[in-house]
Amino acid sequence: MDLRSKEVINIKDGVRLGCVDDIEIDQKNAVILALVIYGRAKFFGLFGREDDLIIEWHNIEIIGEDTILVRFDGYTRVRTSKKHGWLDQFFKG
């Protein structure tokens, strides 16, 4: 089963969270721990991007052919992956 690029939708409010970009795996037990949705680009990526969204495996309700439905309460971006855009170098102090 290929999870990459599947659209993730929160069934609590119908919000499209993004597409699966990565997964977190417990290598010792060979199980998937969470789905990772990379943060959205800020101004076409020139100013980096927002933090990544981590959705734990127990929040997944249904995995379909093109879509993953999750029951997710919070929209807090929990994993920081500050990818700076090329314009950020001009604004460093």
Foldseek 3Di string as FASTA:
>chain_A
DDQFQAWEAEPVVGDTPGGFDDWDADVVVGDTFWTKHAFDADPVNQAFGFAIATGTPVQWDDDDPRYTYGHDDDPDRDGGDGDGHPCVVVVDD
